[in-house]
Amino acid sequence: MLDESRQFMERDDEQMMTVPVSRRWLLSCALGAPAVSALLASSLATAAESSKCVDPEELTPAEAGLRRSLGYTDTSSQPQKSCSGCGFFSAADAGCGTCKILNGGAVNAGGYCTSWSARS
């Protein structure tokens, strides 16, 4: 049995343990890792694209200034206080919506600004 598997030594505080590692296990990990990383990369790219409801370059100086003065961000640092739970938010499609405070401007449902107010 020892010929078929390799022994991997792992130190756990002051105790030594041996964990058998087979070639089959090593090959499955080696072949599965690229697939997992490709899937993760594509899901992160999709999430990044969907988080952009408006291109900041297309905002007028007044719209950009209003967003800055309200501290608007596309991602809330407080999940319980995101645009989707705000009384000024109206949902649209693909995780986006509009905000009455921003004069109907497009915002991300997961965004946040200092004028956030819970829905009643």
N, C-alpha and C. Protein backbone atom coordinates (compact mmCIF):
# COMPACT_ATOMS: atom_id res chain seq x y z
N MET A 1 0.81 -1.19 0.00
CA MET A 1 0.00 0.00 0.00
C MET A 1 0.86 1.27 0.00
N LEU A 2 2.00 1.23 0.69
CA LEU A 2 2.89 2.38 0.72
C LEU A 2 3.46 2.69 -0.65
N ASP A 3 3.64 1.66 -1.47
CA ASP A 3 4.17 1.88 -2.81
C ASP A 3 3.19 2.66 -3.67
N GLU A 4 1.89 2.52 -3.42
CA GLU A 4 0.87 3.16 -4.24
C GLU A 4 0.60 4.60 -3.84
N SER A 5 0.95 4.96 -2.64
CA SER A 5 0.70 6.34 -2.21
C SER A 5 1.93 6.92 -1.56
N ARG A 6 1.99 8.22 -1.58
CA ARG A 6 3.11 8.92 -0.98
C ARG A 6 2.67 9.45 0.37
N GLN A 7 3.59 9.60 1.24
CA GLN A 7 3.27 10.11 2.57
C GLN A 7 3.62 11.60 2.61
N PHE A 8 2.69 12.34 3.13
CA PHE A 8 2.87 13.78 3.26
C PHE A 8 2.96 14.09 4.74
N MET A 9 4.02 14.75 5.12
CA MET A 9 4.23 15.07 6.53
C MET A 9 3.69 16.47 6.80
N GLU A 10 2.91 16.59 7.86
CA GLU A 10 2.33 17.87 8.22
C GLU A 10 2.52 18.06 9.72
N ARG A 11 3.02 19.18 10.10
CA ARG A 11 3.26 19.43 11.53
C ARG A 11 2.04 20.12 12.10
N ASP A 12 1.46 19.55 13.13
CA ASP A 12 0.31 20.11 13.82
C ASP A 12 0.73 20.38 15.25
N ASP A 13 1.15 21.62 15.51
CA ASP A 13 1.73 22.03 16.78
C ASP A 13 2.92 21.12 17.12
N GLU A 14 2.79 20.32 18.15
CA GLU A 14 3.91 19.46 18.53
C GLU A 14 3.71 18.02 18.09
N GLN A 15 2.65 17.76 17.35
CA GLN A 15 2.33 16.40 16.96
C GLN A 15 2.57 16.22 15.47
N MET A 16 3.18 15.13 15.07
CA MET A 16 3.42 14.86 13.66
C MET A 16 2.33 13.92 13.16
N MET A 17 1.80 14.24 11.97
CA MET A 17 0.78 13.39 11.37
C MET A 17 1.21 13.01 9.97
N THR A 18 0.80 11.85 9.53
CA THR A 18 1.05 11.47 8.14
C THR A 18 -0.29 11.37 7.45
N VAL A 19 -0.35 11.94 6.26
CA VAL A 19 -1.57 11.91 5.46
C VAL A 19 -1.23 11.26 4.13
N PRO A 20 -1.88 10.16 3.77
CA PRO A 20 -1.58 9.52 2.49
C PRO A 20 -2.11 10.36 1.32
N VAL A 21 -1.27 10.55 0.32
CA VAL A 21 -1.65 11.31 -0.87
C VAL A 21 -1.39 10.41 -2.08
N SER A 22 -2.46 10.09 -2.79
CA SER A 22 -2.31 9.21 -3.94
C SER A 22 -2.04 10.02 -5.20
N ARG A 23 -1.52 9.34 -6.20
CA ARG A 23 -1.29 10.00 -7.49
C ARG A 23 -2.61 10.43 -8.10
N ARG A 24 -3.66 9.64 -7.93
CA ARG A 24 -4.99 9.98 -8.47
C ARG A 24 -5.47 11.31 -7.88
N TRP A 25 -5.30 11.47 -6.56
CA TRP A 25 -5.72 12.70 -5.90
C TRP A 25 -4.92 13.89 -6.41
N LEU A 26 -3.61 13.73 -6.54
CA LEU A 26 -2.76 14.82 -7.05
C LEU A 26 -3.14 15.20 -8.47
N LEU A 27 -3.39 14.21 -9.33
CA LEU A 27 -3.78 14.50 -10.71
C LEU A 27 -5.14 15.19 -10.77
N SER A 28 -6.09 14.75 -9.96
CA SER A 28 -7.41 15.38 -9.99
C SER A 28 -7.32 16.83 -9.53
N CYS A 29 -6.49 17.11 -8.54
CA CYS A 29 -6.29 18.49 -8.09
C CYS A 29 -5.61 19.33 -9.17
N ALA A 30 -4.61 18.76 -9.79
CA ALA A 30 -3.86 19.50 -10.82
C ALA A 30 -4.74 19.79 -12.04
N LEU A 31 -5.60 18.85 -12.41
CA LEU A 31 -6.46 19.06 -13.57
C LEU A 31 -7.67 19.92 -13.24
N GLY A 32 -8.11 19.92 -12.00
CA GLY A 32 -9.28 20.70 -11.61
C GLY A 32 -8.99 22.15 -11.32
N ALA A 33 -7.77 22.46 -10.93
CA ALA A 33 -7.42 23.83 -10.56
C ALA A 33 -7.61 24.85 -11.69
N PRO A 34 -7.17 24.57 -12.93
CA PRO A 34 -7.40 25.55 -13.99
C PRO A 34 -8.88 25.78 -14.28
N ALA A 35 -9.68 24.74 -14.19
CA ALA A 35 -11.12 24.89 -14.44
C ALA A 35 -11.77 25.76 -13.37
N VAL A 36 -11.40 25.55 -12.13
CA VAL A 36 -11.95 26.34 -11.04
C VAL A 36 -11.51 27.80 -11.16
N SER A 37 -10.26 28.03 -11.48
CA SER A 37 -9.79 29.41 -11.60
C SER A 37 -10.44 30.13 -12.79
N ALA A 38 -10.68 29.41 -13.89
CA ALA A 38 -11.36 30.02 -15.04
C ALA A 38 -12.80 30.38 -14.69
N LEU A 39 -13.47 29.50 -13.97
CA LEU A 39 -14.85 29.77 -13.55
C LEU A 39 -14.90 30.95 -12.61
N LEU A 40 -13.99 31.02 -11.67
CA LEU A 40 -13.93 32.13 -10.73
C LEU A 40 -13.65 33.45 -11.45
N ALA A 41 -12.72 33.44 -12.37
CA ALA A 41 -12.39 34.66 -13.12
C ALA A 41 -13.58 35.15 -13.94
N SER A 42 -14.30 34.24 -14.58
CA SER A 42 -15.45 34.67 -15.39
C SER A 42 -16.57 35.20 -14.51
N SER A 43 -16.79 34.61 -13.33
CA SER A 43 -17.85 35.11 -12.46
C SER A 43 -17.47 36.47 -11.87
N LEU A 44 -16.20 36.69 -11.58
CA LEU A 44 -15.77 38.00 -11.09
C LEU A 44 -15.91 39.07 -12.16
N ALA A 45 -15.60 38.72 -13.41
CA ALA A 45 -15.75 39.68 -14.50
C ALA A 45 -17.21 40.03 -14.72
N THR A 46 -18.09 39.04 -14.64
CA THR A 46 -19.52 39.28 -14.80
C THR A 46 -20.04 40.15 -13.67
N ALA A 47 -19.59 39.90 -12.45
CA ALA A 47 -20.01 40.72 -11.31
C ALA A 47 -19.53 42.15 -11.45
N ALA A 48 -18.32 42.33 -11.93
CA ALA A 48 -17.79 43.69 -12.12
C ALA A 48 -18.56 44.44 -13.18
N GLU A 49 -18.93 43.75 -14.27
CA GLU A 49 -19.69 44.39 -15.33
C GLU A 49 -21.09 44.76 -14.85
N SER A 50 -21.73 43.86 -14.09
CA SER A 50 -23.09 44.13 -13.65
C SER A 50 -23.14 45.19 -12.56
N SER A 51 -22.02 45.43 -11.85
CA SER A 51 -22.03 46.44 -10.81
C SER A 51 -21.96 47.85 -11.39
N LYS A 52 -21.66 47.99 -12.66
CA LYS A 52 -21.60 49.31 -13.29
C LYS A 52 -22.93 49.62 -13.97
N CYS A 53 -23.73 50.46 -13.32
CA CYS A 53 -25.03 50.83 -13.87
C CYS A 53 -24.92 52.10 -14.71
N VAL A 54 -23.88 52.86 -14.46
CA VAL A 54 -23.67 54.10 -15.21
C VAL A 54 -22.16 54.30 -15.37
N ASP A 55 -21.77 54.80 -16.52
CA ASP A 55 -20.37 55.09 -16.77
C ASP A 55 -20.06 56.47 -16.19
N PRO A 56 -19.16 56.56 -15.22
CA PRO A 56 -18.85 57.86 -14.61
C PRO A 56 -18.39 58.91 -15.62
N GLU A 57 -17.80 58.45 -16.73
CA GLU A 57 -17.34 59.39 -17.76
C GLU A 57 -18.51 60.06 -18.48
N GLU A 58 -19.69 59.43 -18.44
CA GLU A 58 -20.86 59.98 -19.14
C GLU A 58 -21.68 60.93 -18.28
N LEU A 59 -21.33 61.08 -17.00
CA LEU A 59 -22.05 61.98 -16.11
C LEU A 59 -21.69 63.43 -16.41
N THR A 60 -22.68 64.31 -16.27
CA THR A 60 -22.38 65.74 -16.41
C THR A 60 -21.62 66.18 -15.15
N PRO A 61 -20.93 67.31 -15.22
CA PRO A 61 -20.22 67.79 -14.01
C PRO A 61 -21.17 67.97 -12.82
N ALA A 62 -22.41 68.41 -13.07
CA ALA A 62 -23.37 68.60 -11.98
C ALA A 62 -23.75 67.25 -11.36
N GLU A 63 -23.99 66.23 -12.20
CA GLU A 63 -24.35 64.90 -11.69
C GLU A 63 -23.19 64.30 -10.90
N ALA A 64 -21.99 64.43 -11.43
CA ALA A 64 -20.81 63.89 -10.74
C ALA A 64 -20.61 64.61 -9.41
N GLY A 65 -20.81 65.92 -9.39
CA GLY A 65 -20.66 66.70 -8.16
C GLY A 65 -21.68 66.31 -7.11
N LEU A 66 -22.93 66.07 -7.54
CA LEU A 66 -23.97 65.66 -6.61
C LEU A 66 -23.64 64.31 -6.00
N ARG A 67 -23.17 63.38 -6.82
CA ARG A 67 -22.77 62.05 -6.31
C ARG A 67 -21.62 62.18 -5.30
N ARG A 68 -20.65 63.02 -5.64
CA ARG A 68 -19.52 63.23 -4.72
C ARG A 68 -19.99 63.83 -3.40
N SER A 69 -20.86 64.84 -3.47
CA SER A 69 -21.32 65.52 -2.25
C SER A 69 -22.13 64.59 -1.36
N LEU A 70 -22.79 63.59 -1.95
CA LEU A 70 -23.56 62.62 -1.17
C LEU A 70 -22.74 61.40 -0.78
N GLY A 71 -21.49 61.35 -1.22
CA GLY A 71 -20.62 60.22 -0.89
C GLY A 71 -21.08 58.92 -1.53
N TYR A 72 -21.69 59.00 -2.72
CA TYR A 72 -22.20 57.80 -3.38
C TYR A 72 -21.07 56.86 -3.79
N THR A 73 -21.26 55.57 -3.51
CA THR A 73 -20.35 54.52 -3.97
C THR A 73 -21.17 53.40 -4.58
N ASP A 74 -20.61 52.69 -5.55
CA ASP A 74 -21.31 51.58 -6.21
C ASP A 74 -21.47 50.36 -5.30
N THR A 75 -20.65 50.27 -4.25
CA THR A 75 -20.71 49.15 -3.34
C THR A 75 -20.77 49.66 -1.91
N SER A 76 -21.83 49.29 -1.20
CA SER A 76 -21.99 49.72 0.18
C SER A 76 -21.04 48.97 1.10
N SER A 77 -20.44 49.69 2.03
CA SER A 77 -19.59 49.03 3.02
C SER A 77 -20.44 48.47 4.16
N GLN A 78 -21.72 48.83 4.16
CA GLN A 78 -22.67 48.36 5.16
C GLN A 78 -23.81 47.64 4.43
N PRO A 79 -23.76 46.30 4.32
CA PRO A 79 -24.75 45.57 3.53
C PRO A 79 -26.21 45.87 3.91
N GLN A 80 -26.47 46.17 5.17
CA GLN A 80 -27.83 46.48 5.58
C GLN A 80 -28.27 47.87 5.11
N LYS A 81 -27.34 48.67 4.65
CA LYS A 81 -27.65 50.01 4.14
C LYS A 81 -27.20 50.12 2.69
N SER A 82 -27.93 49.48 1.81
CA SER A 82 -27.62 49.58 0.38
C SER A 82 -28.81 50.24 -0.31
N CYS A 83 -28.59 50.71 -1.51
CA CYS A 83 -29.64 51.41 -2.25
C CYS A 83 -30.92 50.60 -2.37
N SER A 84 -30.80 49.29 -2.50
CA SER A 84 -32.00 48.46 -2.67
C SER A 84 -32.93 48.53 -1.46
N GLY A 85 -32.42 48.91 -0.29
CA GLY A 85 -33.24 49.04 0.91
C GLY A 85 -33.58 50.47 1.25
N CYS A 86 -33.26 51.40 0.35
CA CYS A 86 -33.49 52.82 0.58
C CYS A 86 -34.85 53.26 0.04
N GLY A 87 -35.49 54.19 0.74
CA GLY A 87 -36.78 54.70 0.32
C GLY A 87 -36.73 55.54 -0.95
N PHE A 88 -35.58 56.02 -1.32
CA PHE A 88 -35.44 56.86 -2.52
C PHE A 88 -35.12 56.05 -3.77
N PHE A 89 -34.94 54.74 -3.62
CA PHE A 89 -34.52 53.86 -4.72
C PHE A 89 -35.71 53.23 -5.41
N SER A 90 -35.68 53.20 -6.74
CA SER A 90 -36.67 52.48 -7.55
C SER A 90 -35.92 51.47 -8.39
N ALA A 91 -36.24 50.19 -8.21
CA ALA A 91 -35.53 49.12 -8.91
C ALA A 91 -35.79 49.14 -10.40
N ALA A 92 -34.78 48.76 -11.15
CA ALA A 92 -34.89 48.59 -12.61
C ALA A 92 -34.42 47.17 -12.91
N ASP A 93 -33.63 46.98 -13.94
CA ASP A 93 -33.17 45.64 -14.29
C ASP A 93 -31.68 45.48 -14.05
N ALA A 94 -31.24 44.24 -13.95
CA ALA A 94 -29.82 43.86 -13.84
C ALA A 94 -29.11 44.48 -12.64
N GLY A 95 -29.79 44.56 -11.48
CA GLY A 95 -29.15 45.07 -10.28
C GLY A 95 -28.98 46.58 -10.25
N CYS A 96 -29.65 47.26 -11.15
CA CYS A 96 -29.58 48.71 -11.21
C CYS A 96 -30.94 49.30 -10.86
N GLY A 97 -30.97 50.60 -10.68
CA GLY A 97 -32.21 51.31 -10.41
C GLY A 97 -31.97 52.80 -10.53
N THR A 98 -32.95 53.56 -10.06
CA THR A 98 -32.82 55.01 -10.09
C THR A 98 -32.99 55.55 -8.68
N CYS A 99 -32.46 56.75 -8.46
CA CYS A 99 -32.51 57.38 -7.15
C CYS A 99 -33.17 58.75 -7.27
N LYS A 100 -34.18 58.99 -6.42
CA LYS A 100 -34.89 60.27 -6.44
C LYS A 100 -33.97 61.41 -6.00
N ILE A 101 -33.07 61.16 -5.07
CA ILE A 101 -32.14 62.20 -4.60
C ILE A 101 -31.18 62.61 -5.71
N LEU A 102 -30.81 61.64 -6.54
CA LEU A 102 -29.89 61.93 -7.66
C LEU A 102 -30.67 62.30 -8.92
N ASN A 103 -31.85 62.86 -8.74
CA ASN A 103 -32.69 63.32 -9.85
C ASN A 103 -33.00 62.21 -10.85
N GLY A 104 -33.24 61.02 -10.34
CA GLY A 104 -33.57 59.90 -11.21
C GLY A 104 -32.35 59.27 -11.86
N GLY A 105 -31.17 59.60 -11.38
CA GLY A 105 -29.94 59.03 -11.94
C GLY A 105 -29.82 57.55 -11.65
N ALA A 106 -29.16 56.84 -12.55
CA ALA A 106 -28.95 55.40 -12.39
C ALA A 106 -27.98 55.12 -11.26
N VAL A 107 -28.33 54.13 -10.44
CA VAL A 107 -27.47 53.72 -9.33
C VAL A 107 -27.45 52.19 -9.24
N ASN A 108 -26.46 51.69 -8.56
CA ASN A 108 -26.35 50.26 -8.33
C ASN A 108 -27.20 49.89 -7.12
N ALA A 109 -27.94 48.78 -7.19
CA ALA A 109 -28.78 48.35 -6.08
C ALA A 109 -27.95 48.08 -4.83
N GLY A 110 -26.68 47.75 -4.99
CA GLY A 110 -25.79 47.49 -3.87
C GLY A 110 -25.01 48.72 -3.44
N GLY A 111 -25.33 49.88 -4.00
CA GLY A 111 -24.61 51.11 -3.70
C GLY A 111 -25.03 51.74 -2.38
N TYR A 112 -24.46 52.90 -2.08
CA TYR A 112 -24.75 53.60 -0.83
C TYR A 112 -24.41 55.08 -0.98
N CYS A 113 -25.17 55.93 -0.29
CA CYS A 113 -24.82 57.34 -0.14
C CYS A 113 -25.22 57.80 1.24
N THR A 114 -24.77 58.99 1.64
CA THR A 114 -25.03 59.49 2.98
C THR A 114 -26.49 59.87 3.21
N SER A 115 -27.30 59.95 2.18
CA SER A 115 -28.72 60.28 2.32
C SER A 115 -29.58 59.03 2.43
N TRP A 116 -28.96 57.88 2.66
CA TRP A 116 -29.71 56.62 2.73
C TRP A 116 -30.77 56.72 3.81
N SER A 117 -31.98 56.26 3.48
CA SER A 117 -33.10 56.25 4.42
C SER A 117 -33.88 54.96 4.22
N ALA A 118 -34.12 54.24 5.30
CA ALA A 118 -34.79 52.95 5.22
C ALA A 118 -36.18 53.10 4.60
N ARG A 119 -36.55 52.08 3.82
CA ARG A 119 -37.91 52.07 3.25
C ARG A 119 -38.92 52.00 4.37
N SER A 120 -40.04 52.68 4.16
CA SER A 120 -41.09 52.61 5.17
C SER A 120 -42.16 51.62 4.84
